[in-house]
């Protein structure tokens, strides 16, 4: 039995033609592959992995910065933000005036912003 006739190709052209033939065969197989429509109701509405990592990183940065603050600042911020206490209640708790608590909170937040900016 005779082998099929080969086309005379330049030495660098044979791999090129082989690659084209393989790509065409792969494309043909992909076209025959069954496909299914995506159901949009199944879409994940939560944060994507990138957003999740950024949020986790931001919260870690904030925790680090809060740990760098002095204890009185951490306490004022915790009471006002986490416990949702008004300045008047915090002032009564620490036996200070409300105006003093507002100024202290302003200075503490300023220090916190400075720490966060330095960390960036």
PDB file of N, CA and C in Angstrom:
ATOM      1  N   UNK A   1       0.840  -1.172   0.000  1.00  0.00           N
ATOM      2  CA  UNK A   1       0.000   0.000   0.000  1.00  0.00           C
ATOM      3  C   UNK A   1       0.883   1.232   0.000  1.00  0.00           C
ATOM      4  N   UNK A   2       0.476   2.190  -0.782  1.00  0.00           N
ATOM      5  CA  UNK A   2       1.276   3.395  -0.926  1.00  0.00           C
ATOM      6  C   UNK A   2       0.900   4.377   0.162  1.00  0.00           C
ATOM      7  N   UNK A   3       1.889   5.094   0.653  1.00  0.00           N
ATOM      8  CA  UNK A   3       1.611   6.165   1.620  1.00  0.00           C
ATOM      9  C   UNK A   3       1.120   7.386   0.853  1.00  0.00           C
ATOM     10  N   UNK A   4       0.279   8.179   1.515  1.00  0.00           N
ATOM     11  CA  UNK A   4      -0.243   9.355   0.815  1.00  0.00           C
ATOM     12  C   UNK A   4       0.891  10.306   0.431  1.00  0.00           C
ATOM     13  N   UNK A   5       0.679  10.969  -0.659  1.00  0.00           N
ATOM     14  CA  UNK A   5       1.696  11.898  -1.141  1.00  0.00           C
ATOM     15  C   UNK A   5       1.776  13.088  -0.207  1.00  0.00           C
ATOM     16  N   UNK A   6       2.972  13.507   0.046  1.00  0.00           N
ATOM     17  CA  UNK A   6       3.183  14.653   0.924  1.00  0.00           C
ATOM     18  C   UNK A   6       3.499  15.870   0.076  1.00  0.00           C
ATOM     19  N   UNK A   7       2.961  16.966   0.543  1.00  0.00           N
ATOM     20  CA  UNK A   7       3.272  18.216  -0.140  1.00  0.00           C
ATOM     21  C   UNK A   7       4.658  18.662   0.265  1.00  0.00           C
ATOM     22  N   UNK A   8       5.418  19.108  -0.666  1.00  0.00           N
ATOM     23  CA  UNK A   8       6.749  19.607  -0.293  1.00  0.00           C
ATOM     24  C   UNK A   8       6.596  20.966   0.401  1.00  0.00           C
ATOM     25  N   UNK A   9       6.951  21.031   1.673  1.00  0.00           N
ATOM     26  CA  UNK A   9       6.843  22.266   2.441  1.00  0.00           C
ATOM     27  C   UNK A   9       8.216  22.702   2.906  1.00  0.00           C
ATOM     28  N   UNK A  10       8.338  23.982   3.034  1.00  0.00           N
ATOM     29  CA  UNK A  10       9.584  24.512   3.579  1.00  0.00           C
ATOM     30  C   UNK A  10       9.720  24.009   5.014  1.00  0.00           C
ATOM     31  N   UNK A  11      10.949  23.854   5.531  1.00  0.00           N
ATOM     32  CA  UNK A  11      11.141  23.271   6.867  1.00  0.00           C
ATOM     33  C   UNK A  11      10.371  23.998   7.976  1.00  0.00           C
ATOM     34  N   UNK A  12      10.261  25.296   7.947  1.00  0.00           N
ATOM     35  CA  UNK A  12       9.561  26.024   8.996  1.00  0.00           C
ATOM     36  C   UNK A  12       8.061  26.049   8.798  1.00  0.00           C
ATOM     37  N   UNK A  13       7.599  25.631   7.640  1.00  0.00           N
ATOM     38  CA  UNK A  13       6.181  25.703   7.331  1.00  0.00           C
ATOM     39  C   UNK A  13       5.411  24.485   7.844  1.00  0.00           C
ATOM     40  N   UNK A  14       6.087  23.335   7.948  1.00  0.00           N
ATOM     41  CA  UNK A  14       5.416  22.114   8.396  1.00  0.00           C
ATOM     42  C   UNK A  14       4.804  22.290   9.802  1.00  0.00           C
ATOM     43  N   UNK A  15       5.511  22.785  10.822  1.00  0.00           N
ATOM     44  CA  UNK A  15       4.890  22.988  12.145  1.00  0.00           C
ATOM     45  C   UNK A  15       3.737  23.998  12.092  1.00  0.00           C
ATOM     46  N   UNK A  16       3.865  24.988  11.243  1.00  0.00           N
ATOM     47  CA  UNK A  16       2.818  25.995  11.104  1.00  0.00           C
ATOM     48  C   UNK A  16       1.524  25.360  10.593  1.00  0.00           C
ATOM     49  N   UNK A  17       1.638  24.552   9.543  1.00  0.00           N
ATOM     50  CA  UNK A  17       0.470  23.885   8.964  1.00  0.00           C
ATOM     51  C   UNK A  17      -0.116  22.897   9.973  1.00  0.00           C
ATOM     52  N   UNK A  18       0.746  22.163  10.683  1.00  0.00           N
ATOM     53  CA  UNK A  18       0.281  21.215  11.687  1.00  0.00           C
ATOM     54  C   UNK A  18      -0.516  21.939  12.776  1.00  0.00           C
ATOM     55  N   UNK A  19      -0.043  23.104  13.196  1.00  0.00           N
ATOM     56  CA  UNK A  19      -0.738  23.875  14.244  1.00  0.00           C
ATOM     57  C   UNK A  19      -2.095  24.377  13.745  1.00  0.00           C
ATOM     58  N   UNK A  20      -2.141  24.818  12.506  1.00  0.00           N
ATOM     59  CA  UNK A  20      -3.409  25.274  11.927  1.00  0.00           C
ATOM     60  C   UNK A  20      -4.404  24.120  11.870  1.00  0.00           C
ATOM     61  N   UNK A  21      -3.959  22.953  11.447  1.00  0.00           N
ATOM     62  CA  UNK A  21      -4.846  21.785  11.362  1.00  0.00           C
ATOM     63  C   UNK A  21      -5.366  21.405  12.748  1.00  0.00           C
ATOM     64  N   UNK A  22      -4.495  21.427  13.746  1.00  0.00           N
ATOM     65  CA  UNK A  22      -4.920  21.085  15.108  1.00  0.00           C
ATOM     66  C   UNK A  22      -5.926  22.111  15.623  1.00  0.00           C
ATOM     67  N   UNK A  23      -5.686  23.383  15.360  1.00  0.00           N
ATOM     68  CA  UNK A  23      -6.611  24.432  15.805  1.00  0.00           C
ATOM     69  C   UNK A  23      -7.968  24.288  15.139  1.00  0.00           C
ATOM     70  N   UNK A  24      -7.969  23.953  13.864  1.00  0.00           N
ATOM     71  CA  UNK A  24      -9.247  23.771  13.152  1.00  0.00           C
ATOM     72  C   UNK A  24     -10.006  22.579  13.725  1.00  0.00           C
ATOM     73  N   UNK A  25      -9.289  21.501  14.052  1.00  0.00           N
ATOM     74  CA  UNK A  25      -9.940  20.324  14.631  1.00  0.00           C
ATOM     75  C   UNK A  25     -10.535  20.663  16.004  1.00  0.00           C
ATOM     76  N   UNK A  26      -9.820  21.408  16.819  1.00  0.00           N
ATOM     77  CA  UNK A  26     -10.314  21.812  18.140  1.00  0.00           C
ATOM     78  C   UNK A  26     -11.541  22.707  17.990  1.00  0.00           C
ATOM     79  N   UNK A  27     -11.492  23.647  17.064  1.00  0.00           N
ATOM     80  CA  UNK A  27     -12.645  24.520  16.823  1.00  0.00           C
ATOM     81  C   UNK A  27     -13.873  23.716  16.413  1.00  0.00           C
ATOM     82  N   UNK A  28     -13.663  22.714  15.559  1.00  0.00           N
ATOM     83  CA  UNK A  28     -14.771  21.883  15.102  1.00  0.00           C
ATOM     84  C   UNK A  28     -15.387  21.113  16.274  1.00  0.00           C
ATOM     85  N   UNK A  29     -14.551  20.583  17.152  1.00  0.00           N
ATOM     86  CA  UNK A  29     -15.059  19.865  18.323  1.00  0.00           C
ATOM     87  C   UNK A  29     -15.814  20.802  19.264  1.00  0.00           C
ATOM     88  N   UNK A  30     -15.325  21.986  19.435  1.00  0.00           N
ATOM     89  CA  UNK A  30     -15.986  22.948  20.320  1.00  0.00           C
ATOM     90  C   UNK A  30     -17.356  23.352  19.786  1.00  0.00           C
ATOM     91  N   UNK A  31     -17.480  23.463  18.480  1.00  0.00           N
ATOM     92  CA  UNK A  31     -18.780  23.826  17.887  1.00  0.00           C
ATOM     93  C   UNK A  31     -19.811  22.732  18.103  1.00  0.00           C
ATOM     94  N   UNK A  32     -19.381  21.483  18.155  1.00  0.00           N
ATOM     95  CA  UNK A  32     -20.306  20.364  18.347  1.00  0.00           C
ATOM     96  C   UNK A  32     -20.662  20.147  19.824  1.00  0.00           C
ATOM     97  N   UNK A  33     -19.942  20.778  20.719  1.00  0.00           N
ATOM     98  CA  UNK A  33     -20.175  20.582  22.148  1.00  0.00           C
ATOM     99  C   UNK A  33     -21.530  21.160  22.542  1.00  0.00           C
ATOM    100  N   UNK A  34     -22.306  20.428  23.344  1.00  0.00           N
ATOM    101  CA  UNK A  34     -23.605  20.967  23.760  1.00  0.00           C
ATOM    102  C   UNK A  34     -23.421  22.162  24.703  1.00  0.00           C
ATOM    103  N   UNK A  35     -24.322  23.105  24.563  1.00  0.00           N
ATOM    104  CA  UNK A  35     -24.271  24.289  25.418  1.00  0.00           C
ATOM    105  C   UNK A  35     -25.602  24.444  26.132  1.00  0.00           C
ATOM    106  N   UNK A  36     -25.569  25.183  27.216  1.00  0.00           N
ATOM    107  CA  UNK A  36     -26.794  25.439  27.976  1.00  0.00           C
ATOM    108  C   UNK A  36     -26.881  26.929  28.256  1.00  0.00           C
ATOM    109  N   UNK A  37     -28.089  27.420  28.257  1.00  0.00           N
ATOM    110  CA  UNK A  37     -28.309  28.829  28.580  1.00  0.00           C
ATOM    111  C   UNK A  37     -28.133  29.027  30.082  1.00  0.00           C
ATOM    112  N   UNK A  38     -27.547  30.145  30.445  1.00  0.00           N
ATOM    113  CA  UNK A  38     -27.360  30.464  31.854  1.00  0.00           C
ATOM    114  C   UNK A  38     -28.632  31.075  32.419  1.00  0.00           C
ATOM    115  N   UNK A  39     -28.976  30.660  33.604  1.00  0.00           N
ATOM    116  CA  UNK A  39     -30.136  31.199  34.293  1.00  0.00           C
ATOM    117  C   UNK A  39     -29.678  32.379  35.137  1.00  0.00           C
ATOM    118  N   UNK A  40     -30.117  33.576  34.804  1.00  0.00           N
ATOM    119  CA  UNK A  40     -29.689  34.785  35.497  1.00  0.00           C
ATOM    120  C   UNK A  40     -30.156  34.832  36.949  1.00  0.00           C
ATOM    121  N   UNK A  41     -31.203  34.074  37.276  1.00  0.00           N
ATOM    122  CA  UNK A  41     -31.682  34.076  38.657  1.00  0.00           C
ATOM    123  C   UNK A  41     -30.700  33.373  39.588  1.00  0.00           C
ATOM    124  N   UNK A  42     -29.784  32.595  39.031  1.00  0.00           N
ATOM    125  CA  UNK A  42     -28.792  31.895  39.835  1.00  0.00           C
ATOM    126  C   UNK A  42     -27.525  32.712  40.049  1.00  0.00           C
ATOM    127  N   UNK A  43     -27.490  33.917  39.537  1.00  0.00           N
ATOM    128  CA  UNK A  43     -26.287  34.738  39.642  1.00  0.00           C
ATOM    129  C   UNK A  43     -25.987  35.056  41.103  1.00  0.00           C
ATOM    130  N   UNK A  44     -24.712  35.055  41.428  1.00  0.00           N
ATOM    131  CA  UNK A  44     -24.269  35.375  42.777  1.00  0.00           C
ATOM    132  C   UNK A  44     -24.281  36.891  42.942  1.00  0.00           C
ATOM    133  N   UNK A  45     -25.075  37.370  43.883  1.00  0.00           N
ATOM    134  CA  UNK A  45     -25.186  38.813  44.084  1.00  0.00           C
ATOM    135  C   UNK A  45     -24.236  39.318  45.160  1.00  0.00           C
ATOM    136  N   UNK A  46     -23.488  38.431  45.784  1.00  0.00           N
ATOM    137  CA  UNK A  46     -22.549  38.826  46.833  1.00  0.00           C
ATOM    138  C   UNK A  46     -21.313  39.479  46.239  1.00  0.00           C
ATOM    139  N   UNK A  47     -20.425  39.934  47.097  1.00  0.00           N
ATOM    140  CA  UNK A  47     -19.206  40.569  46.594  1.00  0.00           C
ATOM    141  C   UNK A  47     -18.321  39.553  45.877  1.00  0.00           C
ATOM    142  N   UNK A  48     -17.657  40.015  44.840  1.00  0.00           N
ATOM    143  CA  UNK A  48     -16.750  39.118  44.145  1.00  0.00           C
ATOM    144  C   UNK A  48     -15.494  38.928  45.000  1.00  0.00           C
ATOM    145  N   UNK A  49     -14.650  37.966  44.676  1.00  0.00           N
ATOM    146  CA  UNK A  49     -13.480  37.702  45.520  1.00  0.00           C
ATOM    147  C   UNK A  49     -12.565  38.917  45.697  1.00  0.00           C
ATOM    148  N   UNK A  50     -12.445  39.743  44.660  1.00  0.00           N
ATOM    149  CA  UNK A  50     -11.597  40.925  44.752  1.00  0.00           C
ATOM    150  C   UNK A  50     -12.162  41.905  45.785  1.00  0.00           C
ATOM    151  N   UNK A  51     -13.478  42.161  45.719  1.00  0.00           N
ATOM    152  CA  UNK A  51     -14.106  43.069  46.688  1.00  0.00           C
ATOM    153  C   UNK A  51     -14.000  42.501  48.097  1.00  0.00           C
ATOM    154  N   UNK A  52     -14.179  41.187  48.236  1.00  0.00           N
ATOM    155  CA  UNK A  52     -14.083  40.551  49.547  1.00  0.00           C
ATOM    156  C   UNK A  52     -12.682  40.735  50.132  1.00  0.00           C
ATOM    157  N   UNK A  53     -11.663  40.564  49.302  1.00  0.00           N
ATOM    158  CA  UNK A  53     -10.289  40.729  49.769  1.00  0.00           C
ATOM    159  C   UNK A  53     -10.028  42.170  50.166  1.00  0.00           C
ATOM    160  N   UNK A  54     -10.519  43.114  49.370  1.00  0.00           N
ATOM    161  CA  UNK A  54     -10.328  44.520  49.714  1.00  0.00           C
ATOM    162  C   UNK A  54     -11.005  44.875  51.031  1.00  0.00           C
ATOM    163  N   UNK A  55     -12.228  44.382  51.222  1.00  0.00           N
ATOM    164  CA  UNK A  55     -12.931  44.666  52.472  1.00  0.00           C
ATOM    165  C   UNK A  55     -12.189  44.079  53.659  1.00  0.00           C
ATOM    166  N   UNK A  56     -11.730  42.847  53.509  1.00  0.00           N
ATOM    167  CA  UNK A  56     -11.000  42.198  54.590  1.00  0.00           C
ATOM    168  C   UNK A  56      -9.705  42.961  54.881  1.00  0.00           C
ATOM    169  N   UNK A  57      -9.047  43.408  53.820  1.00  0.00           N
ATOM    170  CA  UNK A  57      -7.809  44.156  53.986  1.00  0.00           C
ATOM    171  C   UNK A  57      -8.075  45.498  54.659  1.00  0.00           C
ATOM    172  N   UNK A  58      -9.157  46.180  54.261  1.00  0.00           N
ATOM    173  CA  UNK A  58      -9.495  47.467  54.874  1.00  0.00           C
ATOM    174  C   UNK A  58      -9.826  47.302  56.347  1.00  0.00           C
ATOM    175  N   UNK A  59     -10.543  46.242  56.687  1.00  0.00           N
ATOM    176  CA  UNK A  59     -10.876  46.036  58.098  1.00  0.00           C
ATOM    177  C   UNK A  59      -9.620  45.692  58.891  1.00  0.00           C
ATOM    178  N   UNK A  60      -8.695  44.960  58.295  1.00  0.00           N
ATOM    179  CA  UNK A  60      -7.435  44.652  58.980  1.00  0.00           C
ATOM    180  C   UNK A  60      -6.629  45.933  59.197  1.00  0.00           C
ATOM    181  N   UNK A  61      -6.608  46.802  58.192  1.00  0.00           N
ATOM    182  CA  UNK A  61      -5.893  48.081  58.338  1.00  0.00           C
ATOM    183  C   UNK A  61      -6.510  48.917  59.447  1.00  0.00           C
ATOM    184  N   UNK A  62      -7.837  48.937  59.513  1.00  0.00           N
ATOM    185  CA  UNK A  62      -8.531  49.716  60.533  1.00  0.00           C
ATOM    186  C   UNK A  62      -8.258  49.151  61.930  1.00  0.00           C
ATOM    187  N   UNK A  63      -8.313  47.818  62.067  1.00  0.00           N
ATOM    188  CA  UNK A  63      -8.007  47.212  63.369  1.00  0.00           C
ATOM    189  C   UNK A  63      -6.583  47.525  63.801  1.00  0.00           C
ATOM    190  N   UNK A  64      -5.644  47.459  62.850  1.00  0.00           N
ATOM    191  CA  UNK A  64      -4.256  47.781  63.168  1.00  0.00           C
ATOM    192  C   UNK A  64      -4.142  49.224  63.653  1.00  0.00           C
ATOM    193  N   UNK A  65      -4.777  50.154  62.928  1.00  0.00           N
ATOM    194  CA  UNK A  65      -4.692  51.572  63.285  1.00  0.00           C
ATOM    195  C   UNK A  65      -5.340  51.828  64.647  1.00  0.00           C
ATOM    196  N   UNK A  66      -6.460  51.179  64.917  1.00  0.00           N
ATOM    197  CA  UNK A  66      -7.112  51.358  66.220  1.00  0.00           C
ATOM    198  C   UNK A  66      -6.216  50.865  67.356  1.00  0.00           C
ATOM    199  N   UNK A  67      -5.482  49.782  67.119  1.00  0.00           N
ATOM    200  CA  UNK A  67      -4.580  49.275  68.154  1.00  0.00           C
ATOM    201  C   UNK A  67      -3.419  50.231  68.415  1.00  0.00           C
ATOM    202  N   UNK A  68      -3.085  51.052  67.428  1.00  0.00           N
ATOM    203  CA  UNK A  68      -1.991  52.000  67.593  1.00  0.00           C
ATOM    204  C   UNK A  68      -2.403  53.225  68.402  1.00  0.00           C
ATOM    205  N   UNK A  69      -3.704  53.471  68.484  1.00  0.00           N
ATOM    206  CA  UNK A  69      -4.187  54.629  69.248  1.00  0.00           C
ATOM    207  C   UNK A  69      -4.040  54.377  70.743  1.00  0.00           C
ATOM    208  N   UNK A  70      -4.035  55.465  71.499  1.00  0.00           N
ATOM    209  CA  UNK A  70      -3.993  55.342  72.948  1.00  0.00           C
ATOM    210  C   UNK A  70      -5.327  54.790  73.440  1.00  0.00           C
ATOM    211  N   UNK A  71      -5.306  54.180  74.623  1.00  0.00           N
ATOM    212  CA  UNK A  71      -6.493  53.527  75.178  1.00  0.00           C
ATOM    213  C   UNK A  71      -7.691  54.475  75.316  1.00  0.00           C
ATOM    214  N   UNK A  72      -7.515  55.729  75.782  1.00  0.00           N
ATOM    215  CA  UNK A  72      -8.698  56.604  75.880  1.00  0.00           C
ATOM    216  C   UNK A  72      -9.359  56.864  74.525  1.00  0.00           C
ATOM    217  N   UNK A  73      -8.560  57.011  73.496  1.00  0.00           N
ATOM    218  CA  UNK A  73      -9.123  57.222  72.150  1.00  0.00           C
ATOM    219  C   UNK A  73      -9.876  55.987  71.684  1.00  0.00           C
ATOM    220  N   UNK A  74      -9.291  54.819  71.871  1.00  0.00           N
ATOM    221  CA  UNK A  74      -9.969  53.584  71.478  1.00  0.00           C
ATOM    222  C   UNK A  74     -11.311  53.455  72.190  1.00  0.00           C
ATOM    223  N   UNK A  75     -11.336  53.818  73.475  1.00  0.00           N
ATOM    224  CA  UNK A  75     -12.558  53.700  74.258  1.00  0.00           C
ATOM    225  C   UNK A  75     -13.643  54.660  73.759  1.00  0.00           C
ATOM    226  N   UNK A  76     -13.261  55.898  73.491  1.00  0.00           N
ATOM    227  CA  UNK A  76     -14.236  56.882  73.003  1.00  0.00           C
ATOM    228  C   UNK A  76     -14.815  56.434  71.658  1.00  0.00           C
ATOM    229  N   UNK A  77     -13.947  55.990  70.762  1.00  0.00           N
ATOM    230  CA  UNK A  77     -14.395  55.540  69.444  1.00  0.00           C
ATOM    231  C   UNK A  77     -15.293  54.313  69.584  1.00  0.00           C
ATOM    232  N   UNK A  78     -14.896  53.376  70.437  1.00  0.00           N
ATOM    233  CA  UNK A  78     -15.701  52.170  70.647  1.00  0.00           C
ATOM    234  C   UNK A  78     -17.094  52.519  71.173  1.00  0.00           C
ATOM    235  N   UNK A  79     -17.138  53.390  72.178  1.00  0.00           N
ATOM    236  CA  UNK A  79     -18.427  53.752  72.759  1.00  0.00           C
ATOM    237  C   UNK A  79     -19.322  54.476  71.754  1.00  0.00           C
ATOM    238  N   UNK A  80     -18.723  55.397  71.012  1.00  0.00           N
ATOM    239  CA  UNK A  80     -19.540  56.198  70.092  1.00  0.00           C
ATOM    240  C   UNK A  80     -19.952  55.407  68.847  1.00  0.00           C
ATOM    241  N   UNK A  81     -19.033  54.652  68.271  1.00  0.00           N
ATOM    242  CA  UNK A  81     -19.325  53.984  67.007  1.00  0.00           C
ATOM    243  C   UNK A  81     -19.924  52.589  67.231  1.00  0.00           C
ATOM    244  N   UNK A  82     -19.290  51.771  68.047  1.00  0.00           N
ATOM    245  CA  UNK A  82     -19.786  50.404  68.234  1.00  0.00           C
ATOM    246  C   UNK A  82     -21.040  50.361  69.114  1.00  0.00           C
ATOM    247  N   UNK A  83     -21.010  51.122  70.231  1.00  0.00           N
ATOM    248  CA  UNK A  83     -22.139  51.095  71.159  1.00  0.00           C
ATOM    249  C   UNK A  83     -23.215  52.122  70.792  1.00  0.00           C
ATOM    250  N   UNK A  84     -22.906  52.978  69.828  1.00  0.00           N
ATOM    251  CA  UNK A  84     -23.838  54.000  69.347  1.00  0.00           C
ATOM    252  C   UNK A  84     -24.301  54.935  70.481  1.00  0.00           C
ATOM    253  N   UNK A  85     -23.361  55.273  71.347  1.00  0.00           N
ATOM    254  CA  UNK A  85     -23.679  56.174  72.462  1.00  0.00           C
ATOM    255  C   UNK A  85     -23.495  57.622  72.017  1.00  0.00           C
ATOM    256  N   UNK A  86     -24.410  58.498  72.392  1.00  0.00           N
ATOM    257  CA  UNK A  86     -24.217  59.912  72.067  1.00  0.00           C
ATOM    258  C   UNK A  86     -23.109  60.512  72.941  1.00  0.00           C
ATOM    259  N   UNK A  87     -22.591  61.655  72.488  1.00  0.00           N
ATOM    260  CA  UNK A  87     -21.493  62.301  73.212  1.00  0.00           C
ATOM    261  C   UNK A  87     -21.884  62.639  74.650  1.00  0.00           C
ATOM    262  N   UNK A  88     -23.133  62.991  74.871  1.00  0.00           N
ATOM    263  CA  UNK A  88     -23.578  63.362  76.218  1.00  0.00           C
ATOM    264  C   UNK A  88     -23.428  62.187  77.183  1.00  0.00           C
ATOM    265  N   UNK A  89     -23.784  60.987  76.742  1.00  0.00           N
ATOM    266  CA  UNK A  89     -23.664  59.807  77.603  1.00  0.00           C
ATOM    267  C   UNK A  89     -22.197  59.452  77.850  1.00  0.00           C
ATOM    268  N   UNK A  90     -21.386  59.564  76.823  1.00  0.00           N
ATOM    269  CA  UNK A  90     -19.955  59.279  76.986  1.00  0.00           C
ATOM    270  C   UNK A  90     -19.351  60.278  77.961  1.00  0.00           C
ATOM    271  N   UNK A  91     -19.727  61.542  77.834  1.00  0.00           N
ATOM    272  CA  UNK A  91     -19.206  62.582  78.726  1.00  0.00           C
ATOM    273  C   UNK A  91     -19.626  62.304  80.169  1.00  0.00           C
ATOM    274  N   UNK A  92     -20.880  61.908  80.372  1.00  0.00           N
ATOM    275  CA  UNK A  92     -21.345  61.603  81.727  1.00  0.00           C
ATOM    276  C   UNK A  92     -20.599  60.396  82.289  1.00  0.00           C
ATOM    277  N   UNK A  93     -20.344  59.407  81.441  1.00  0.00           N
ATOM    278  CA  UNK A  93     -19.635  58.204  81.865  1.00  0.00           C
ATOM    279  C   UNK A  93     -18.204  58.525  82.292  1.00  0.00           C
ATOM    280  N   UNK A  94     -17.565  59.440  81.577  1.00  0.00           N
ATOM    281  CA  UNK A  94     -16.172  59.783  81.875  1.00  0.00           C
ATOM    282  C   UNK A  94     -16.044  61.049  82.721  1.00  0.00           C
ATOM    283  N   UNK A  95     -17.170  61.577  83.180  1.00  0.00           N
ATOM    284  CA  UNK A  95     -17.217  62.765  84.025  1.00  0.00           C
ATOM    285  C   UNK A  95     -16.487  63.952  83.382  1.00  0.00           C
ATOM    286  N   UNK A  96     -16.839  64.190  82.154  1.00  0.00           N
ATOM    287  CA  UNK A  96     -16.313  65.315  81.379  1.00  0.00           C
ATOM    288  C   UNK A  96     -17.495  66.038  80.756  1.00  0.00           C
ATOM    289  N   UNK A  97     -17.210  67.185  80.147  1.00  0.00           N
ATOM    290  CA  UNK A  97     -18.286  67.908  79.454  1.00  0.00           C
ATOM    291  C   UNK A  97     -18.469  67.317  78.053  1.00  0.00           C
ATOM    292  N   UNK A  98     -19.643  67.532  77.492  1.00  0.00           N
ATOM    293  CA  UNK A  98     -19.931  67.026  76.148  1.00  0.00           C
ATOM    294  C   UNK A  98     -19.003  67.664  75.119  1.00  0.00           C
ATOM    295  N   UNK A  99     -18.731  68.937  75.288  1.00  0.00           N
ATOM    296  CA  UNK A  99     -17.834  69.640  74.360  1.00  0.00           C
ATOM    297  C   UNK A  99     -16.431  69.013  74.390  1.00  0.00           C
ATOM    298  N   UNK A 100     -15.985  68.653  75.584  1.00  0.00           N
ATOM    299  CA  UNK A 100     -14.668  68.016  75.709  1.00  0.00           C
ATOM    300  C   UNK A 100     -14.655  66.686  74.965  1.00  0.00           C
ATOM    301  N   UNK A 101     -15.724  65.909  75.077  1.00  0.00           N
ATOM    302  CA  UNK A 101     -15.808  64.619  74.381  1.00  0.00           C
ATOM    303  C   UNK A 101     -15.800  64.806  72.872  1.00  0.00           C
ATOM    304  N   UNK A 102     -16.485  65.828  72.395  1.00  0.00           N
ATOM    305  CA  UNK A 102     -16.504  66.095  70.948  1.00  0.00           C
ATOM    306  C   UNK A 102     -15.102  66.450  70.442  1.00  0.00           C
ATOM    307  N   UNK A 103     -14.402  67.285  71.205  1.00  0.00           N
ATOM    308  CA  UNK A 103     -13.043  67.676  70.813  1.00  0.00           C
ATOM    309  C   UNK A 103     -12.125  66.467  70.863  1.00  0.00           C
ATOM    310  N   UNK A 104     -12.249  65.653  71.910  1.00  0.00           N
ATOM    311  CA  UNK A 104     -11.410  64.452  72.009  1.00  0.00           C
ATOM    312  C   UNK A 104     -11.687  63.495  70.857  1.00  0.00           C
ATOM    313  N   UNK A 105     -12.951  63.314  70.528  1.00  0.00           N
ATOM    314  CA  UNK A 105     -13.311  62.440  69.411  1.00  0.00           C
ATOM    315  C   UNK A 105     -12.728  62.973  68.106  1.00  0.00           C
ATOM    316  N   UNK A 106     -12.816  64.279  67.903  1.00  0.00           N
ATOM    317  CA  UNK A 106     -12.249  64.893  66.707  1.00  0.00           C
ATOM    318  C   UNK A 106     -10.751  64.610  66.631  1.00  0.00           C
ATOM    319  N   UNK A 107     -10.046  64.807  67.745  1.00  0.00           N
ATOM    320  CA  UNK A 107      -8.593  64.577  67.770  1.00  0.00           C
ATOM    321  C   UNK A 107      -8.255  63.098  67.587  1.00  0.00           C
ATOM    322  N   UNK A 108      -9.053  62.234  68.173  1.00  0.00           N
ATOM    323  CA  UNK A 108      -8.813  60.788  68.020  1.00  0.00           C
ATOM    324  C   UNK A 108      -9.018  60.353  66.574  1.00  0.00           C
ATOM    325  N   UNK A 109     -10.068  60.827  65.953  1.00  0.00           N
ATOM    326  CA  UNK A 109     -10.315  60.476  64.553  1.00  0.00           C
ATOM    327  C   UNK A 109      -9.240  61.055  63.636  1.00  0.00           C
ATOM    328  N   UNK A 110      -8.761  62.233  63.991  1.00  0.00           N
ATOM    329  CA  UNK A 110      -7.676  62.837  63.222  1.00  0.00           C
ATOM    330  C   UNK A 110      -6.420  61.965  63.318  1.00  0.00           C
ATOM    331  N   UNK A 111      -6.124  61.479  64.519  1.00  0.00           N
ATOM    332  CA  UNK A 111      -4.969  60.584  64.708  1.00  0.00           C
ATOM    333  C   UNK A 111      -5.166  59.280  63.939  1.00  0.00           C
ATOM    334  N   UNK A 112      -6.381  58.767  63.961  1.00  0.00           N
ATOM    335  CA  UNK A 112      -6.687  57.532  63.245  1.00  0.00           C
ATOM    336  C   UNK A 112      -6.488  57.717  61.744  1.00  0.00           C
ATOM    337  N   UNK A 113      -6.970  58.825  61.207  1.00  0.00           N
ATOM    338  CA  UNK A 113      -6.773  59.113  59.774  1.00  0.00           C
ATOM    339  C   UNK A 113      -5.296  59.227  59.432  1.00  0.00           C
ATOM    340  N   UNK A 114      -4.536  59.860  60.305  1.00  0.00           N
ATOM    341  CA  UNK A 114      -3.094  60.024  60.078  1.00  0.00           C
ATOM    342  C   UNK A 114      -2.407  58.649  60.047  1.00  0.00           C
ATOM    343  N   UNK A 115      -2.782  57.768  60.963  1.00  0.00           N
ATOM    344  CA  UNK A 115      -2.212  56.421  60.983  1.00  0.00           C
ATOM    345  C   UNK A 115      -2.566  55.653  59.724  1.00  0.00           C
ATOM    346  N   UNK A 116      -3.804  55.755  59.290  1.00  0.00           N
ATOM    347  CA  UNK A 116      -4.225  55.052  58.082  1.00  0.00           C
ATOM    348  C   UNK A 116      -3.517  55.590  56.842  1.00  0.00           C
ATOM    349  N   UNK A 117      -3.337  56.903  56.788  1.00  0.00           N
ATOM    350  CA  UNK A 117      -2.643  57.507  55.642  1.00  0.00           C
ATOM    351  C   UNK A 117      -1.170  57.102  55.639  1.00  0.00           C
ATOM    352  N   UNK A 118      -0.569  57.030  56.811  1.00  0.00           N
ATOM    353  CA  UNK A 118       0.833  56.641  56.905  1.00  0.00           C
ATOM    354  C   UNK A 118       1.004  55.186  56.496  1.00  0.00           C
ATOM    355  N   UNK A 119       0.032  54.355  56.838  1.00  0.00           N
ATOM    356  CA  UNK A 119       0.096  52.928  56.521  1.00  0.00           C
ATOM    357  C   UNK A 119       0.015  52.713  55.006  1.00  0.00           C
ATOM    358  N   UNK A 120      -0.719  53.585  54.303  1.00  0.00           N
ATOM    359  CA  UNK A 120      -0.818  53.467  52.840  1.00  0.00           C
ATOM    360  C   UNK A 120       0.511  53.839  52.245  1.00  0.00           C
TER     361      UNK A 120
END
